[in-house]
Amino acid sequence: MQLDGHADGPAVDRLLLLLPDQLHASYLESAGLDRDADLVAQMELAGDFERVPSHQQRTALFLAAMRHFALELESDGWRGLYVPLDDPENDGDLGGQLERVWRAVRPARLVVFRPGDFVTLEAVEAATRELGIDLELLEDPHFLVEPEAFAEWAEGRKSLVMEHFYRRSRRRLGVLMTDDDKPVGGSWNYDQENRERLDEEAPERPPRFRCEPDELTREVLALVEERFADAPGRLESFAWPVTRERALAALDDFVVNRLPWFGAYQDAMKTGEPWLFHSLLSPALNLKLLDPRECVERAEAAYEDGEAPLNAVEGFVRQLIGWREFIRGVYWLEGPSYAEGNHLEATGDLPEPYWSGESDMTCLAESVGQVLEHGYGHHIQRLMVTGNLALVAGVEPRQVNDWYLGMYVDAMDWVTLPNTQGMTLYADGGVVGSKPYAASGRYIERMSDYCASCPFEPGERTGERACPITVFYWDFLDRRRERLEAVPRMGLALKNLDRLDDAELEEVRRRAGELRRELGIEPRAE
């Protein structure tokens, strides 16, 4: 499987370059590959894990999954060519390694499926131009909506509303629909039923579905520990699926043990419990070990068989065929310049606790601590704790984007950039979200038990016990008032701001500045 072993092999017609997140047999089928005439190439590139600081578990997940998939292809009779990370001639650069591969096998054409990020696409296109290679760029069969189709849907719309896109997708795919084209149950979504707080009456949470590392994965963990010793995060708890077989087992476990309660408690947070009822399937989905179609089918079947309620199944389905596809559509629609947006002119530095997990704020310590330990956090922790703090404190979007891309095991640029830039930070000025998702500590108190063990009081905005998130929230409304007045859904929040007298508002400003200095956020310019 090594590069040198194929330099003098049989003639190659088409060379399929499988990227690190394209680990499913459907890619070979969609490309129409011939076992005798074509070749599959995979490359481990250090640059993929050094572009931004990448969590050690994220790096290990990619490498272990790639190596297992390469072995599966080989056992299935495909001719493969693999460039490992520790190849002495592997400089970590896609262009350089593509040239090595190309010169070794001299194929007639290069086949590549649309990558998950602009950087890789541009690197492939640049390398093929320089080498004079015929490039066959194909659309990714994993996704349900191609970028061109999303652009057609978006054309002429005043705003891109995910709910409208989701309903269209439900109808087109026939998911949770009746014979007369109505949503099953009479409603399109059940968000109002999906905001339960975990209390003593909540069902017991099942243990995490663990995939214990096999010998090959343990070799990868050792390699990452040595090669990326200074990278953030810890490896000890690594137990993610790295093969399709184990990913399917994880899907089974979710449908049976978590899906029935996923809906009601999907927004809840609890101290010391990172997994709750969440699927933990996004890493396998984003590596393409799982197909979203099969996940939707399993969830629908669970509802039809009476094994999971509609609010849970609909909430899960919406994440797959609604939000996930919508976010990817926005990514390709907006283009590379999307990453440069900074609508709210935030210039602060990312606080040090995002790297250490050490904070007096229980919500931040819990949310970041589990990211360091597991490379994981669920969507409300990402949006309403780490994201909300960055938003209201005024952290520069690029720094926040890089942190989200590197620190979560399921992170791909097409996922994290629109979610962070748009939904979390409102840095795109409203392309993704209809308002900044800014909130005080009261929201965290309502959806978690974090505040019960925290020295700060979520309802106070002044004084030493005032919750930093609450302080920053009111300061955010004040500092960015001019921009926020143009956002209709922020009207009520600004009316509440007007109720603060001058002395209290001045104290909020003073305390916010003090907290910025303490956390190392202090903006470079305002």
Protein backbone atom coordinates (compact mmCIF):
# COMPACT_ATOMS: atom_id res chain seq x y z
CA MET A 1 0.00 0.00 0.00
CA GLN A 2 3.01 2.30 0.21
CA LEU A 3 3.76 4.77 -2.57
CA ASP A 4 7.03 3.21 -3.75
CA GLY A 5 5.39 -0.17 -4.28
CA HIS A 6 3.23 1.14 -7.12
CA ALA A 7 5.67 3.15 -9.19
CA ASP A 8 6.15 0.31 -11.67
CA GLY A 9 2.68 -1.30 -11.32
CA PRO A 10 0.06 -1.81 -14.03
CA ALA A 11 -1.09 1.16 -16.07
CA VAL A 12 -3.58 3.43 -14.33
CA ASP A 13 -6.47 5.06 -16.16
CA ARG A 14 -8.08 7.12 -13.41
CA LEU A 15 -6.56 8.03 -10.06
CA LEU A 16 -9.18 8.71 -7.38
CA LEU A 17 -7.79 10.90 -4.62
CA LEU A 18 -9.93 10.11 -1.58
CA LEU A 19 -9.74 12.92 0.95
CA PRO A 20 -9.56 12.23 4.71
CA ASP A 21 -13.31 12.74 5.22
CA GLN A 22 -14.44 10.55 2.31
CA LEU A 23 -14.36 7.11 3.87
CA HIS A 24 -17.27 5.27 2.30
CA ALA A 25 -17.56 2.78 -0.57
CA SER A 26 -20.15 5.04 -2.23
CA TYR A 27 -17.34 7.29 -3.47
CA LEU A 28 -15.82 4.50 -5.53
CA GLU A 29 -19.24 3.52 -6.83
CA SER A 30 -20.16 7.10 -7.74
CA ALA A 31 -16.87 7.60 -9.53
CA GLY A 32 -17.51 4.44 -11.58
CA LEU A 33 -14.06 3.14 -10.71
CA ASP A 34 -12.69 0.04 -12.41
CA ARG A 35 -10.82 -2.37 -10.12
CA ASP A 36 -8.33 -3.33 -12.81
CA ALA A 37 -7.71 0.00 -14.53
CA ASP A 38 -8.04 2.55 -11.73
CA LEU A 39 -6.25 3.36 -8.49
CA VAL A 40 -7.36 4.84 -5.14
CA ALA A 41 -4.95 7.18 -3.35
CA GLN A 42 -5.09 8.43 0.23
CA MET A 43 -2.66 10.84 1.86
CA GLU A 44 -2.07 11.72 5.51
CA LEU A 45 -0.99 15.35 5.55
CA ALA A 46 0.36 17.08 8.63
CA GLY A 47 -0.91 20.34 7.20
CA ASP A 48 -4.47 19.16 7.78
CA PHE A 49 -3.77 19.13 11.52
CA GLU A 50 -1.50 22.15 11.77
CA ARG A 51 -3.52 24.75 9.84
CA VAL A 52 -5.21 25.47 13.16
CA PRO A 53 -4.34 23.86 16.53
CA SER A 54 -6.02 20.46 16.19
CA HIS A 55 -7.19 18.47 19.21
CA GLN A 56 -5.16 15.28 19.58
CA GLN A 57 -8.31 13.15 19.43
CA ARG A 58 -9.43 14.88 16.23
CA THR A 59 -6.11 14.10 14.57
CA ALA A 60 -6.15 10.52 15.84
CA LEU A 61 -9.74 10.02 14.63
CA PHE A 62 -8.88 11.09 11.09
CA LEU A 63 -5.74 8.98 10.88
CA ALA A 64 -7.21 5.84 12.45
CA ALA A 65 -10.32 5.98 10.26
CA MET A 66 -8.25 6.55 7.12
CA ARG A 67 -5.97 3.62 7.84
CA HIS A 68 -8.82 1.26 8.60
CA PHE A 69 -10.63 2.26 5.42
CA ALA A 70 -7.50 1.75 3.33
CA LEU A 71 -7.25 -1.80 4.67
CA GLU A 72 -10.91 -2.40 3.86
CA LEU A 73 -10.37 -1.25 0.28
CA GLU A 74 -7.36 -3.50 -0.06
CA SER A 75 -9.24 -6.53 1.28
CA ASP A 76 -12.05 -5.76 -1.15
CA GLY A 77 -9.69 -6.00 -4.10
CA TRP A 78 -9.08 -2.33 -4.87
CA ARG A 79 -5.66 -1.16 -5.94
CA GLY A 80 -4.62 1.40 -3.39
CA LEU A 81 -1.80 3.83 -2.83
CA TYR A 82 -1.28 5.26 0.66
CA VAL A 83 1.03 8.04 1.85
CA PRO A 84 1.41 7.74 5.66
CA LEU A 85 2.19 10.65 7.92
CA ASP A 86 5.59 9.22 8.85
CA ASP A 87 6.75 8.70 5.26
CA PRO A 88 10.19 10.42 5.16
CA GLU A 89 9.27 12.15 1.89
CA ASN A 90 5.88 13.34 3.14
CA ASP A 91 6.23 17.09 3.70
CA GLY A 92 2.58 17.50 4.67
CA ASP A 93 1.73 19.61 1.62
CA LEU A 94 -1.11 18.42 -0.60
CA GLY A 95 0.38 19.81 -3.80
CA GLY A 96 3.78 18.25 -3.20
CA GLN A 97 2.37 14.84 -2.30
CA LEU A 98 -0.06 14.88 -5.21
CA GLU A 99 2.88 15.48 -7.52
CA ARG A 100 4.74 12.51 -5.97
CA VAL A 101 1.74 10.26 -6.48
CA TRP A 102 1.14 11.51 -9.99
CA ARG A 103 4.69 10.96 -11.13
CA ALA A 104 4.77 7.50 -9.53
CA VAL A 105 1.72 6.09 -11.35
CA ARG A 106 1.20 8.45 -14.33
CA PRO A 107 -2.62 8.12 -14.55
CA ALA A 108 -4.59 9.54 -17.45
CA ARG A 109 -6.91 11.52 -15.18
CA LEU A 110 -7.29 12.63 -11.58
CA VAL A 111 -10.71 12.19 -9.96
CA VAL A 112 -11.59 14.19 -6.83
CA PHE A 113 -14.90 14.61 -5.05
CA ARG A 114 -15.73 18.10 -3.81
CA PRO A 115 -13.66 18.64 -0.63
CA GLY A 116 -15.09 19.84 2.66
CA ASP A 117 -13.21 23.13 2.60
CA PHE A 118 -12.10 25.88 0.24
CA VAL A 119 -8.42 25.49 1.13
CA THR A 120 -8.27 21.88 -0.08
CA LEU A 121 -10.26 22.61 -3.22
CA GLU A 122 -7.97 25.49 -4.12
CA ALA A 123 -4.88 23.35 -3.40
CA VAL A 124 -6.11 20.53 -5.66
CA GLU A 125 -6.99 22.94 -8.47
CA ALA A 126 -3.66 24.75 -8.17
CA ALA A 127 -1.67 21.50 -8.20
CA THR A 128 -3.50 20.13 -11.23
CA ARG A 129 -2.98 23.37 -13.16
CA GLU A 130 0.72 23.37 -12.35
CA LEU A 131 1.17 19.73 -13.36
CA GLY A 132 -1.08 19.94 -16.38
CA ILE A 133 -3.35 17.23 -14.99
CA ASP A 134 -6.86 16.58 -16.29
CA LEU A 135 -9.06 17.04 -13.22
CA GLU A 136 -12.46 15.38 -12.93
CA LEU A 137 -14.21 17.15 -10.03
CA LEU A 138 -17.33 15.31 -8.86
CA GLU A 139 -20.06 16.28 -6.43
CA ASP A 140 -20.08 14.53 -3.07
CA PRO A 141 -22.68 11.70 -3.09
CA HIS A 142 -22.92 11.73 0.70
CA PHE A 143 -24.97 14.93 0.81
CA LEU A 144 -28.63 15.29 -0.08
CA VAL A 145 -28.43 18.71 -1.74
CA GLU A 146 -25.71 19.74 -4.18
CA PRO A 147 -24.33 23.30 -3.90
CA GLU A 148 -25.82 24.24 -7.27
CA ALA A 149 -29.28 23.12 -6.16
CA PHE A 150 -28.94 25.06 -2.91
CA ALA A 151 -27.92 28.18 -4.86
CA GLU A 152 -31.02 27.81 -7.02
CA TRP A 153 -33.19 27.58 -3.90
CA ALA A 154 -31.49 30.63 -2.37
CA GLU A 155 -31.66 32.81 -5.47
CA GLY A 156 -33.97 35.79 -5.09
CA ARG A 157 -34.74 35.21 -1.41
CA LYS A 158 -34.50 38.18 0.93
CA SER A 159 -33.18 35.89 3.65
CA LEU A 160 -32.16 32.25 3.96
CA VAL A 161 -34.50 30.67 6.50
CA MET A 162 -33.48 27.18 7.54
CA GLU A 163 -37.05 26.25 8.46
CA HIS A 164 -38.20 26.92 4.88
CA PHE A 165 -35.33 24.86 3.49
CA TYR A 166 -36.09 22.06 5.94
CA ARG A 167 -39.77 21.84 5.02
CA ARG A 168 -38.88 21.73 1.35
CA SER A 169 -36.41 18.92 2.04
CA ARG A 170 -38.99 16.96 4.05
CA ARG A 171 -41.42 17.14 1.14
CA ARG A 172 -38.79 16.32 -1.47
CA LEU A 173 -37.47 13.32 0.44
CA GLY A 174 -40.83 12.19 1.82
CA VAL A 175 -39.51 12.11 5.38
CA LEU A 176 -42.10 12.11 8.17
CA MET A 177 -44.79 13.04 5.67
CA THR A 178 -48.34 11.75 5.25
CA ASP A 179 -49.80 10.53 1.97
CA ASP A 180 -51.46 13.93 1.42
CA ASP A 181 -48.14 15.79 1.76
CA LYS A 182 -48.66 16.95 5.33
CA PRO A 183 -46.16 16.63 8.18
CA VAL A 184 -46.73 13.58 10.33
CA GLY A 185 -48.37 14.69 13.58
CA GLY A 186 -49.60 17.97 12.07
CA SER A 187 -46.55 20.12 12.97
CA TRP A 188 -43.26 20.68 11.18
CA ASN A 189 -41.19 20.84 14.34
CA TYR A 190 -41.57 20.23 18.06
CA ASP A 191 -39.06 22.66 19.55
CA GLN A 192 -41.48 23.66 22.28
CA GLU A 193 -41.42 20.08 23.59
CA ASN A 194 -37.64 19.83 23.37
CA ARG A 195 -36.48 22.23 26.07
CA GLU A 196 -36.72 20.15 29.21
CA ARG A 197 -34.24 20.68 32.00
CA LEU A 198 -32.55 17.61 33.47
CA ASP A 199 -33.85 17.23 36.99
CA GLU A 200 -34.36 14.39 39.47
CA GLU A 201 -37.35 13.15 37.45
CA ALA A 202 -35.37 12.80 34.23
CA PRO A 203 -34.58 9.24 33.10
CA GLU A 204 -31.17 7.79 33.86
CA ARG A 205 -28.62 8.53 31.16
CA PRO A 206 -27.12 5.48 29.45
CA PRO A 207 -23.34 5.08 29.41
CA ARG A 208 -21.38 6.32 26.42
CA PHE A 209 -21.13 3.86 23.55
CA ARG A 210 -17.41 3.12 23.52
CA CYS A 211 -15.33 1.73 20.68
CA GLU A 212 -12.20 0.51 22.42
CA PRO A 213 -9.08 1.15 20.29
CA ASP A 214 -7.79 -1.89 18.42
CA GLU A 215 -4.11 -2.46 17.65
CA LEU A 216 -4.08 -0.24 14.58
CA THR A 217 -5.81 2.59 16.44
CA ARG A 218 -3.40 2.24 19.35
CA GLU A 219 -0.53 2.65 16.89
CA VAL A 220 -2.12 5.85 15.65
CA LEU A 221 -2.63 7.14 19.19
CA ALA A 222 1.06 6.56 19.90
CA LEU A 223 2.00 8.35 16.68
CA VAL A 224 -0.17 11.36 17.53
CA GLU A 225 1.14 11.48 21.09
CA GLU A 226 4.68 11.65 19.75
CA ARG A 227 4.21 13.77 16.62
CA PHE A 228 1.66 16.23 18.03
CA ALA A 229 2.73 16.31 21.66
CA ASP A 230 2.14 20.07 21.92
CA ALA A 231 -1.34 19.94 20.38
CA PRO A 232 -4.33 20.72 22.64
CA GLY A 233 -6.52 18.07 24.20
CA ARG A 234 -5.96 14.65 25.70
CA LEU A 235 -6.00 11.17 24.18
CA GLU A 236 -6.75 8.94 27.16
CA SER A 237 -10.52 8.73 26.65
CA PHE A 238 -10.41 8.07 22.89
CA ALA A 239 -13.27 5.69 22.03
CA TRP A 240 -14.74 6.99 18.75
CA PRO A 241 -15.83 4.69 15.91
CA VAL A 242 -13.11 4.47 13.27
CA THR A 243 -14.75 1.88 10.99
CA ARG A 244 -18.12 1.69 9.30
CA GLU A 245 -18.94 -1.47 11.27
CA ARG A 246 -18.47 0.29 14.60
CA ALA A 247 -20.25 3.41 13.36
CA LEU A 248 -23.29 1.30 12.51
CA ALA A 249 -23.14 -0.22 16.00
CA ALA A 250 -23.06 3.32 17.44
CA LEU A 251 -26.15 4.20 15.38
CA ASP A 252 -27.94 1.13 16.74
CA ASP A 253 -27.02 2.11 20.29
CA PHE A 254 -28.35 5.63 19.83
CA VAL A 255 -31.66 4.56 18.33
CA VAL A 256 -32.31 2.04 21.11
CA ASN A 257 -30.86 3.76 24.17
CA ARG A 258 -30.96 7.53 23.56
CA LEU A 259 -33.30 8.54 20.76
CA PRO A 260 -36.49 8.15 22.85
CA TRP A 261 -35.31 10.95 25.18
CA PHE A 262 -33.12 12.89 22.77
CA GLY A 263 -35.81 15.40 21.85
CA ALA A 264 -36.97 16.48 25.28
CA TYR A 265 -33.47 16.93 26.69
CA GLN A 266 -31.46 17.97 23.65
CA ASP A 267 -30.88 21.51 24.98
CA ALA A 268 -30.12 20.51 28.57
CA MET A 269 -26.69 20.71 30.23
CA LYS A 270 -25.54 18.96 33.38
CA THR A 271 -22.35 19.07 35.42
CA GLY A 272 -20.11 16.06 34.86
CA GLU A 273 -22.30 14.58 32.12
CA PRO A 274 -21.00 15.34 28.63
CA TRP A 275 -23.01 12.73 26.69
CA LEU A 276 -26.61 12.87 27.99
CA PHE A 277 -28.98 11.58 25.26
CA HIS A 278 -27.05 12.91 22.27
CA SER A 279 -26.26 10.62 19.35
CA LEU A 280 -22.46 11.21 19.23
CA LEU A 281 -22.75 10.29 15.54
CA SER A 282 -21.51 13.54 13.98
CA PRO A 283 -17.84 12.40 13.85
CA ALA A 284 -18.80 9.25 11.95
CA LEU A 285 -21.21 11.18 9.72
CA ASN A 286 -18.66 13.84 8.86
CA LEU A 287 -16.01 11.22 8.05
CA LYS A 288 -18.74 9.56 5.91
CA LEU A 289 -18.57 6.28 7.82
CA LEU A 290 -22.33 6.74 8.10
CA ASP A 291 -24.76 8.02 5.48
CA PRO A 292 -27.44 10.52 6.59
CA ARG A 293 -30.07 8.56 4.65
CA GLU A 294 -29.60 5.45 6.76
CA CYS A 295 -29.69 7.50 9.97
CA VAL A 296 -32.97 9.12 8.93
CA GLU A 297 -34.44 5.74 7.96
CA ARG A 298 -33.53 4.22 11.33
CA ALA A 299 -35.08 7.13 13.21
CA GLU A 300 -38.26 7.04 11.12
CA ALA A 301 -38.57 3.30 11.68
CA ALA A 302 -38.20 3.81 15.43
CA TYR A 303 -41.14 6.23 15.36
CA GLU A 304 -43.28 3.99 13.18
CA ASP A 305 -42.57 1.01 15.45
CA GLY A 306 -43.50 3.00 18.55
CA GLU A 307 -39.96 2.92 19.94
CA ALA A 308 -39.37 6.70 19.94
CA PRO A 309 -41.75 9.69 20.16
CA LEU A 310 -42.28 12.07 17.28
CA ASN A 311 -40.67 15.07 19.00
CA ALA A 312 -37.40 13.14 19.39
CA VAL A 313 -37.38 11.69 15.89
CA GLU A 314 -38.32 14.97 14.23
CA GLY A 315 -35.62 16.83 16.17
CA PHE A 316 -32.98 14.33 15.06
CA VAL A 317 -34.19 14.33 11.45
CA ARG A 318 -34.14 18.15 11.38
CA GLN A 319 -30.48 18.16 12.33
CA LEU A 320 -29.67 15.80 9.46
CA ILE A 321 -31.75 16.93 6.49
CA GLY A 322 -32.37 20.47 7.68
CA TRP A 323 -29.60 22.15 9.57
CA ARG A 324 -26.66 20.04 8.34
CA GLU A 325 -27.52 20.42 4.65
CA PHE A 326 -28.47 24.08 5.09
CA ILE A 327 -25.14 24.93 6.71
CA ARG A 328 -23.18 23.20 3.94
CA GLY A 329 -25.24 25.04 1.35
CA VAL A 330 -24.43 28.38 2.95
CA TYR A 331 -20.72 27.49 3.04
CA TRP A 332 -20.46 26.95 -0.72
CA LEU A 333 -22.91 29.72 -1.58
CA GLU A 334 -21.02 32.41 0.34
CA GLY A 335 -17.53 31.44 -0.83
CA PRO A 336 -14.07 31.90 0.72
CA SER A 337 -14.65 35.57 1.64
CA TYR A 338 -17.35 34.48 4.10
CA ALA A 339 -14.65 33.77 6.69
CA GLU A 340 -13.60 37.42 6.69
CA GLY A 341 -16.92 38.79 7.93
CA ASN A 342 -16.96 40.74 11.19
CA HIS A 343 -20.31 42.50 11.19
CA LEU A 344 -20.19 43.38 14.89
CA GLU A 345 -16.56 44.58 14.69
CA ALA A 346 -15.32 42.28 17.44
CA THR A 347 -11.56 42.54 18.01
CA GLY A 348 -10.86 40.81 21.33
CA ASP A 349 -8.56 37.85 21.86
CA LEU A 350 -9.86 34.39 22.68
CA PRO A 351 -9.72 33.98 26.49
CA GLU A 352 -7.05 31.70 27.93
CA PRO A 353 -9.65 29.40 29.61
CA TYR A 354 -10.63 28.16 26.14
CA TRP A 355 -7.25 26.42 26.06
CA SER A 356 -6.87 25.43 29.72
CA GLY A 357 -10.45 24.80 30.82
CA GLU A 358 -9.62 26.59 34.06
CA SER A 359 -12.24 29.14 35.07
CA ASP A 360 -14.27 30.18 38.09
CA MET A 361 -17.30 30.13 35.78
CA THR A 362 -18.68 26.61 36.15
CA CYS A 363 -20.39 26.66 32.75
CA LEU A 364 -17.14 27.55 30.98
CA ALA A 365 -15.01 25.14 33.00
CA GLU A 366 -17.47 22.29 32.32
CA SER A 367 -17.96 23.03 28.62
CA VAL A 368 -14.30 23.57 27.78
CA GLY A 369 -13.09 20.90 30.19
CA GLN A 370 -15.01 18.18 28.40
CA VAL A 371 -13.77 19.46 25.03
CA LEU A 372 -10.18 19.10 26.23
CA GLU A 373 -10.95 15.64 27.64
CA HIS A 374 -13.06 14.25 24.80
CA GLY A 375 -13.01 16.65 21.86
CA TYR A 376 -16.78 16.91 22.22
CA GLY A 377 -19.53 19.24 23.32
CA HIS A 378 -23.17 19.28 22.28
CA HIS A 379 -24.81 22.04 20.29
CA ILE A 380 -26.14 24.11 23.20
CA GLN A 381 -22.78 24.12 24.96
CA ARG A 382 -21.20 25.28 21.71
CA LEU A 383 -23.82 27.93 20.99
CA MET A 384 -24.88 29.20 24.40
CA VAL A 385 -21.77 28.79 26.57
CA THR A 386 -18.50 28.95 24.63
CA GLY A 387 -20.11 30.72 21.68
CA ASN A 388 -22.29 33.10 23.65
CA LEU A 389 -19.37 34.20 25.83
CA ALA A 390 -17.22 34.88 22.76
CA LEU A 391 -20.09 36.84 21.18
CA VAL A 392 -20.99 39.09 24.09
CA ALA A 393 -17.36 39.60 25.17
CA GLY A 394 -16.41 40.70 21.66
CA VAL A 395 -13.89 38.06 20.57
CA GLU A 396 -12.55 38.32 17.02
CA PRO A 397 -14.42 35.86 14.76
CA ARG A 398 -11.32 34.38 13.10
CA GLN A 399 -9.95 33.26 16.46
CA VAL A 400 -13.26 31.72 17.45
CA ASN A 401 -13.63 30.00 14.08
CA ASP A 402 -10.16 28.48 14.36
CA TRP A 403 -10.86 27.20 17.87
CA TYR A 404 -14.09 25.48 16.83
CA LEU A 405 -12.45 23.96 13.76
CA GLY A 406 -9.55 22.52 15.70
CA MET A 407 -11.03 21.52 19.04
CA TYR A 408 -13.98 19.28 18.15
CA VAL A 409 -13.52 15.79 16.72
CA ASP A 410 -16.44 16.27 14.32
CA ALA A 411 -15.17 19.61 13.00
CA MET A 412 -14.90 20.27 9.27
CA ASP A 413 -14.67 23.76 7.81
CA TRP A 414 -17.99 23.45 5.96
CA VAL A 415 -19.62 22.69 9.34
CA THR A 416 -17.88 24.97 11.78
CA LEU A 417 -17.47 28.13 9.71
CA PRO A 418 -21.17 28.91 9.00
CA ASN A 419 -22.20 27.69 12.44
CA THR A 420 -19.63 29.88 14.17
CA GLN A 421 -19.48 32.85 11.84
CA GLY A 422 -23.23 32.95 11.31
CA MET A 423 -25.25 31.28 14.04
CA THR A 424 -22.90 31.86 16.96
CA LEU A 425 -21.24 35.23 16.35
CA TYR A 426 -23.56 36.98 13.89
CA ALA A 427 -20.36 37.98 12.12
CA ASP A 428 -22.09 37.48 8.76
CA GLY A 429 -24.71 40.11 9.53
CA GLY A 430 -27.65 37.74 9.37
CA VAL A 431 -26.98 35.27 6.56
CA VAL A 432 -27.50 32.26 8.85
CA GLY A 433 -29.21 33.60 11.96
CA SER A 434 -32.02 36.14 12.16
CA LYS A 435 -30.44 37.70 15.27
CA PRO A 436 -27.36 37.41 17.48
CA TYR A 437 -27.93 34.52 19.90
CA ALA A 438 -26.82 36.59 22.86
CA ALA A 439 -28.06 35.69 26.31
CA SER A 440 -27.31 36.43 29.94
CA GLY A 441 -26.45 33.87 32.57
CA ARG A 442 -30.17 33.40 33.17
CA TYR A 443 -30.43 31.19 30.09
CA ILE A 444 -27.65 28.92 31.37
CA GLU A 445 -29.33 28.78 34.76
CA ARG A 446 -32.60 27.74 33.13
CA MET A 447 -31.09 24.95 30.99
CA SER A 448 -28.44 23.53 33.34
CA ASP A 449 -27.34 22.96 36.92
CA TYR A 450 -24.08 24.83 36.33
CA CYS A 451 -25.07 27.94 38.23
CA ALA A 452 -25.85 26.02 41.42
CA SER A 453 -22.13 25.35 41.99
CA CYS A 454 -20.83 28.62 40.58
CA PRO A 455 -19.59 31.55 42.72
CA PHE A 456 -21.31 34.00 40.38
CA GLU A 457 -24.96 34.97 40.39
CA PRO A 458 -26.61 34.77 36.93
CA GLY A 459 -29.24 37.37 37.77
CA GLU A 460 -26.77 40.07 38.82
CA ARG A 461 -25.09 42.42 36.36
CA THR A 462 -23.10 44.56 38.79
CA GLY A 463 -20.94 43.81 41.77
CA GLU A 464 -18.26 41.20 42.45
CA ARG A 465 -20.74 38.30 42.33
CA ALA A 466 -22.23 39.37 39.00
CA CYS A 467 -22.07 36.60 36.41
CA PRO A 468 -19.44 37.55 33.80
CA ILE A 469 -21.71 36.38 30.98
CA THR A 470 -24.53 38.57 32.33
CA VAL A 471 -22.17 41.55 32.62
CA PHE A 472 -20.90 41.03 29.09
CA TYR A 473 -24.45 40.57 27.78
CA TRP A 474 -25.62 43.98 28.94
CA ASP A 475 -22.36 45.59 27.90
CA PHE A 476 -22.75 43.96 24.47
CA LEU A 477 -26.20 45.48 24.01
CA ASP A 478 -24.78 48.85 24.98
CA ARG A 479 -21.58 48.69 22.90
CA ARG A 480 -23.24 47.36 19.75
CA ARG A 481 -26.54 49.19 20.04
CA GLU A 482 -26.23 50.97 16.72
CA ARG A 483 -25.83 47.70 14.81
CA LEU A 484 -28.43 45.85 16.87
CA GLU A 485 -31.12 48.47 16.32
CA ALA A 486 -31.27 47.31 12.69
CA VAL A 487 -32.16 43.76 13.81
CA PRO A 488 -35.94 43.52 14.41
CA ARG A 489 -35.68 40.58 16.83
CA MET A 490 -33.40 42.57 19.14
CA GLY A 491 -36.01 45.24 19.88
CA LEU A 492 -37.18 43.79 23.18
CA ALA A 493 -33.63 43.32 24.46
CA LEU A 494 -32.80 46.94 23.67
CA LYS A 495 -35.96 48.12 25.44
CA ASN A 496 -34.80 46.24 28.50
CA LEU A 497 -31.42 47.93 28.18
CA ASP A 498 -33.17 51.30 28.29
CA ARG A 499 -34.52 50.44 31.74
CA LEU A 500 -31.01 50.60 33.24
CA ASP A 501 -30.25 53.95 34.83
CA ASP A 502 -27.04 55.78 33.95
CA ALA A 503 -25.20 54.76 37.12
CA GLU A 504 -25.95 51.06 36.67
CA LEU A 505 -25.01 51.11 32.99
CA GLU A 506 -21.73 52.82 33.79
CA GLU A 507 -20.98 50.13 36.37
CA VAL A 508 -21.71 47.44 33.80
CA ARG A 509 -19.27 49.08 31.40
CA ARG A 510 -16.61 49.35 34.09
CA ARG A 511 -16.98 45.74 35.22
CA ALA A 512 -17.01 44.47 31.61
CA GLY A 513 -13.71 46.24 30.95
CA GLU A 514 -12.25 44.79 34.12
CA LEU A 515 -13.34 41.28 33.14
CA ARG A 516 -11.86 41.67 29.67
CA ARG A 517 -8.51 42.49 31.17
CA GLU A 518 -8.71 39.59 33.63
CA LEU A 519 -9.56 37.11 30.87
CA GLY A 520 -7.06 38.50 28.37
CA ILE A 521 -9.81 39.52 25.93
CA GLU A 522 -9.08 43.25 25.91
CA PRO A 523 -9.93 44.39 22.37
CA ARG A 524 -7.13 45.88 20.32
CA ALA A 525 -9.42 48.66 19.10
CA GLU A 526 -13.06 49.58 19.53
